[in-house]
Amino acid sequence: MVTRGKPDPEIYLIAASLLRTAPEHCLAFEDAPKGVAAARAAGVFTVAIETAYTAGQDTSAANAHLQSLADFDLSLLDEVKRGTHGKR
């Protein structure tokens, strides 16, 4: 379904369309700069997760940063619902 890979936002725009919701009401977890760039370009609230493979890469464009998915907090979902895209 996707013709252009990340960092193109196509994959996120298609996913939001299939979910019948606006991209700004979606949440993406990404571990690499190209994924962060794709999600942000689509207008998706983006959480960067550090992994052993991508540690040290620049994911500063993400809205939030976590060391692990275990650190996920439901308050991030509230930010998505409100359309709050501020840095954490």
N, C-alpha and C. Protein backbone atom coordinates (compact mmCIF):
# COMPACT_ATOMS: atom_id res chain seq x y z
N MET A 1 0.81 -1.21 0.00
CA MET A 1 0.00 0.00 0.00
C MET A 1 0.85 1.27 0.00
N VAL A 2 2.09 1.14 0.43
CA VAL A 2 2.97 2.29 0.53
C VAL A 2 3.94 2.28 -0.65
N THR A 3 4.05 3.42 -1.31
CA THR A 3 4.97 3.50 -2.45
C THR A 3 6.25 4.24 -2.11
N ARG A 4 6.23 5.02 -1.04
CA ARG A 4 7.41 5.78 -0.63
C ARG A 4 7.74 5.41 0.82
N GLY A 5 8.99 5.10 1.07
CA GLY A 5 9.43 4.73 2.42
C GLY A 5 9.73 5.94 3.28
N LYS A 6 9.95 5.67 4.55
CA LYS A 6 10.33 6.71 5.49
C LYS A 6 11.66 7.32 5.03
N PRO A 7 11.83 8.59 5.13
CA PRO A 7 11.14 9.56 5.96
C PRO A 7 9.90 10.20 5.34
N ASP A 8 9.45 9.70 4.20
CA ASP A 8 8.21 10.21 3.62
C ASP A 8 7.06 9.88 4.58
N PRO A 9 6.12 10.78 4.78
CA PRO A 9 5.02 10.55 5.73
C PRO A 9 3.90 9.66 5.21
N GLU A 10 4.03 9.15 4.00
CA GLU A 10 2.94 8.40 3.38
C GLU A 10 2.37 7.29 4.27
N ILE A 11 3.22 6.51 4.91
CA ILE A 11 2.74 5.39 5.71
C ILE A 11 1.83 5.86 6.84
N TYR A 12 2.15 6.99 7.45
CA TYR A 12 1.33 7.51 8.54
C TYR A 12 0.04 8.13 8.03
N LEU A 13 0.11 8.78 6.90
CA LEU A 13 -1.10 9.37 6.32
C LEU A 13 -2.09 8.29 5.89
N ILE A 14 -1.58 7.21 5.31
CA ILE A 14 -2.45 6.10 4.93
C ILE A 14 -3.06 5.45 6.17
N ALA A 15 -2.24 5.21 7.18
CA ALA A 15 -2.74 4.58 8.41
C ALA A 15 -3.84 5.42 9.05
N ALA A 16 -3.64 6.73 9.14
CA ALA A 16 -4.66 7.60 9.72
C ALA A 16 -5.93 7.56 8.89
N SER A 17 -5.78 7.55 7.59
CA SER A 17 -6.94 7.49 6.70
C SER A 17 -7.71 6.19 6.91
N LEU A 18 -7.00 5.09 7.01
CA LEU A 18 -7.65 3.80 7.23
C LEU A 18 -8.35 3.74 8.59
N LEU A 19 -7.80 4.46 9.56
CA LEU A 19 -8.42 4.54 10.89
C LEU A 19 -9.55 5.57 10.95
N ARG A 20 -9.67 6.31 9.85
CA ARG A 20 -10.69 7.37 9.74
C ARG A 20 -10.54 8.41 10.87
N THR A 21 -9.30 8.83 11.03
CA THR A 21 -9.01 9.85 12.02
C THR A 21 -7.94 10.78 11.47
N ALA A 22 -7.84 11.93 12.04
CA ALA A 22 -6.82 12.89 11.63
C ALA A 22 -5.46 12.46 12.19
N PRO A 23 -4.39 12.67 11.44
CA PRO A 23 -3.06 12.29 11.94
C PRO A 23 -2.73 12.90 13.30
N GLU A 24 -3.22 14.09 13.56
CA GLU A 24 -2.89 14.72 14.85
C GLU A 24 -3.56 14.03 16.03
N HIS A 25 -4.44 13.07 15.76
CA HIS A 25 -5.07 12.29 16.83
C HIS A 25 -4.45 10.89 16.92
N CYS A 26 -3.30 10.73 16.29
CA CYS A 26 -2.60 9.45 16.31
C CYS A 26 -1.33 9.56 17.15
N LEU A 27 -0.79 8.41 17.51
CA LEU A 27 0.42 8.34 18.30
C LEU A 27 1.37 7.34 17.62
N ALA A 28 2.60 7.76 17.40
CA ALA A 28 3.60 6.88 16.78
C ALA A 28 4.76 6.67 17.74
N PHE A 29 5.22 5.44 17.78
CA PHE A 29 6.44 5.10 18.51
C PHE A 29 7.49 4.79 17.46
N GLU A 30 8.60 5.49 17.53
CA GLU A 30 9.67 5.32 16.55
C GLU A 30 11.01 5.23 17.28
N ASP A 31 11.94 4.52 16.64
CA ASP A 31 13.26 4.37 17.26
C ASP A 31 14.39 4.90 16.40
N ALA A 32 14.07 5.47 15.24
CA ALA A 32 15.11 5.94 14.34
C ALA A 32 14.74 7.30 13.74
N PRO A 33 15.74 8.08 13.37
CA PRO A 33 15.48 9.42 12.83
C PRO A 33 14.53 9.45 11.64
N LYS A 34 14.65 8.51 10.70
CA LYS A 34 13.76 8.51 9.53
C LYS A 34 12.30 8.28 9.93
N GLY A 35 12.09 7.41 10.89
CA GLY A 35 10.74 7.16 11.38
C GLY A 35 10.16 8.37 12.09
N VAL A 36 10.98 9.01 12.91
CA VAL A 36 10.54 10.23 13.60
C VAL A 36 10.19 11.29 12.57
N ALA A 37 11.03 11.46 11.57
CA ALA A 37 10.77 12.47 10.54
C ALA A 37 9.48 12.18 9.79
N ALA A 38 9.22 10.92 9.47
CA ALA A 38 8.01 10.55 8.75
C ALA A 38 6.76 10.85 9.57
N ALA A 39 6.77 10.44 10.82
CA ALA A 39 5.62 10.65 11.68
C ALA A 39 5.36 12.14 11.90
N ARG A 40 6.41 12.89 12.18
CA ARG A 40 6.26 14.33 12.42
C ARG A 40 5.77 15.04 11.16
N ALA A 41 6.28 14.65 9.99
CA ALA A 41 5.85 15.28 8.74
C ALA A 41 4.37 15.02 8.47
N ALA A 42 3.85 13.91 8.98
CA ALA A 42 2.43 13.58 8.83
C ALA A 42 1.58 14.31 9.86
N GLY A 43 2.20 14.92 10.86
CA GLY A 43 1.45 15.60 11.91
C GLY A 43 1.07 14.70 13.06
N VAL A 44 1.74 13.55 13.18
CA VAL A 44 1.46 12.58 14.22
C VAL A 44 2.30 12.87 15.46
N PHE A 45 1.69 12.77 16.64
CA PHE A 45 2.44 12.91 17.88
C PHE A 45 3.41 11.75 17.95
N THR A 46 4.69 12.06 18.10
CA THR A 46 5.73 11.05 17.96
C THR A 46 6.53 10.88 19.24
N VAL A 47 6.65 9.63 19.65
CA VAL A 47 7.43 9.27 20.83
C VAL A 47 8.65 8.49 20.35
N ALA A 48 9.83 9.01 20.64
CA ALA A 48 11.06 8.31 20.30
C ALA A 48 11.42 7.35 21.43
N ILE A 49 11.71 6.12 21.05
CA ILE A 49 12.14 5.10 22.00
C ILE A 49 13.59 4.76 21.69
N GLU A 50 14.43 4.84 22.70
CA GLU A 50 15.83 4.52 22.48
C GLU A 50 16.01 3.00 22.49
N THR A 51 16.71 2.50 21.50
CA THR A 51 17.02 1.07 21.44
C THR A 51 18.53 0.90 21.33
N ALA A 52 18.98 -0.31 21.54
CA ALA A 52 20.42 -0.59 21.43
C ALA A 52 20.92 -0.30 20.02
N TYR A 53 20.06 -0.47 19.04
CA TYR A 53 20.47 -0.27 17.65
C TYR A 53 20.49 1.20 17.24
N THR A 54 19.66 2.02 17.87
CA THR A 54 19.56 3.41 17.44
C THR A 54 20.03 4.41 18.50
N ALA A 55 20.56 3.93 19.59
CA ALA A 55 21.05 4.82 20.65
C ALA A 55 22.06 5.79 20.07
N GLY A 56 21.93 7.04 20.44
CA GLY A 56 22.85 8.06 19.99
C GLY A 56 22.47 8.72 18.68
N GLN A 57 21.45 8.18 18.00
CA GLN A 57 20.99 8.83 16.77
C GLN A 57 20.08 10.01 17.13
N ASP A 58 20.00 10.97 16.24
CA ASP A 58 19.24 12.20 16.51
C ASP A 58 17.74 11.98 16.30
N THR A 59 17.03 11.86 17.39
CA THR A 59 15.56 11.77 17.34
C THR A 59 14.95 12.98 18.04
N SER A 60 15.68 14.07 18.05
CA SER A 60 15.25 15.27 18.78
C SER A 60 13.96 15.88 18.24
N ALA A 61 13.57 15.56 17.02
CA ALA A 61 12.34 16.11 16.46
C ALA A 61 11.08 15.47 17.04
N ALA A 62 11.23 14.38 17.79
CA ALA A 62 10.08 13.71 18.40
C ALA A 62 9.45 14.62 19.45
N ASN A 63 8.15 14.42 19.68
CA ASN A 63 7.45 15.20 20.70
C ASN A 63 7.84 14.79 22.10
N ALA A 64 8.14 13.51 22.27
CA ALA A 64 8.50 12.98 23.59
C ALA A 64 9.56 11.91 23.39
N HIS A 65 10.31 11.64 24.45
CA HIS A 65 11.39 10.66 24.39
C HIS A 65 11.28 9.74 25.60
N LEU A 66 11.39 8.44 25.35
CA LEU A 66 11.37 7.45 26.42
C LEU A 66 12.57 6.53 26.27
N GLN A 67 13.06 6.06 27.39
CA GLN A 67 14.17 5.10 27.36
C GLN A 67 13.67 3.71 27.00
N SER A 68 12.39 3.46 27.28
CA SER A 68 11.82 2.13 27.08
C SER A 68 10.30 2.27 26.96
N LEU A 69 9.66 1.33 26.28
CA LEU A 69 8.19 1.33 26.25
C LEU A 69 7.61 1.14 27.64
N ALA A 70 8.38 0.56 28.54
CA ALA A 70 7.93 0.39 29.93
C ALA A 70 7.73 1.74 30.60
N ASP A 71 8.33 2.79 30.07
CA ASP A 71 8.19 4.13 30.63
C ASP A 71 6.96 4.86 30.10
N PHE A 72 6.21 4.22 29.22
CA PHE A 72 5.02 4.85 28.63
C PHE A 72 4.04 5.25 29.72
N ASP A 73 3.47 6.42 29.56
CA ASP A 73 2.53 6.98 30.52
C ASP A 73 1.27 7.39 29.76
N LEU A 74 0.12 7.07 30.30
CA LEU A 74 -1.14 7.39 29.62
C LEU A 74 -1.35 8.88 29.41
N SER A 75 -0.60 9.72 30.11
CA SER A 75 -0.73 11.16 29.91
C SER A 75 -0.35 11.54 28.47
N LEU A 76 0.47 10.74 27.83
CA LEU A 76 0.80 11.00 26.43
C LEU A 76 -0.46 10.92 25.56
N LEU A 77 -1.35 9.99 25.88
CA LEU A 77 -2.59 9.88 25.12
C LEU A 77 -3.46 11.12 25.32
N ASP A 78 -3.44 11.69 26.51
CA ASP A 78 -4.19 12.92 26.76
C ASP A 78 -3.64 14.05 25.88
N GLU A 79 -2.32 14.11 25.74
CA GLU A 79 -1.71 15.13 24.89
C GLU A 79 -2.14 14.95 23.44
N VAL A 80 -2.22 13.71 22.99
CA VAL A 80 -2.65 13.44 21.63
C VAL A 80 -4.10 13.88 21.43
N LYS A 81 -4.96 13.52 22.38
CA LYS A 81 -6.37 13.90 22.29
C LYS A 81 -6.55 15.40 22.23
N ARG A 82 -5.74 16.11 23.01
CA ARG A 82 -5.85 17.58 23.04
C ARG A 82 -5.13 18.22 21.85
N GLY A 83 -4.38 17.45 21.12
CA GLY A 83 -3.60 18.01 20.02
C GLY A 83 -2.40 18.78 20.53
N THR A 84 -1.98 18.50 21.77
CA THR A 84 -0.83 19.17 22.35
C THR A 84 0.43 18.51 21.83
N HIS A 85 1.19 19.25 21.07
CA HIS A 85 2.40 18.68 20.49
C HIS A 85 3.65 19.33 21.07
N GLY A 86 3.60 19.66 22.33
CA GLY A 86 4.76 20.26 22.97
C GLY A 86 5.82 19.24 23.31
N LYS A 87 7.04 19.68 23.41
CA LYS A 87 8.14 18.79 23.78
C LYS A 87 8.00 18.41 25.24
N ARG A 88 8.45 17.23 25.58
CA ARG A 88 8.53 16.79 26.97
C ARG A 88 9.98 16.76 27.36
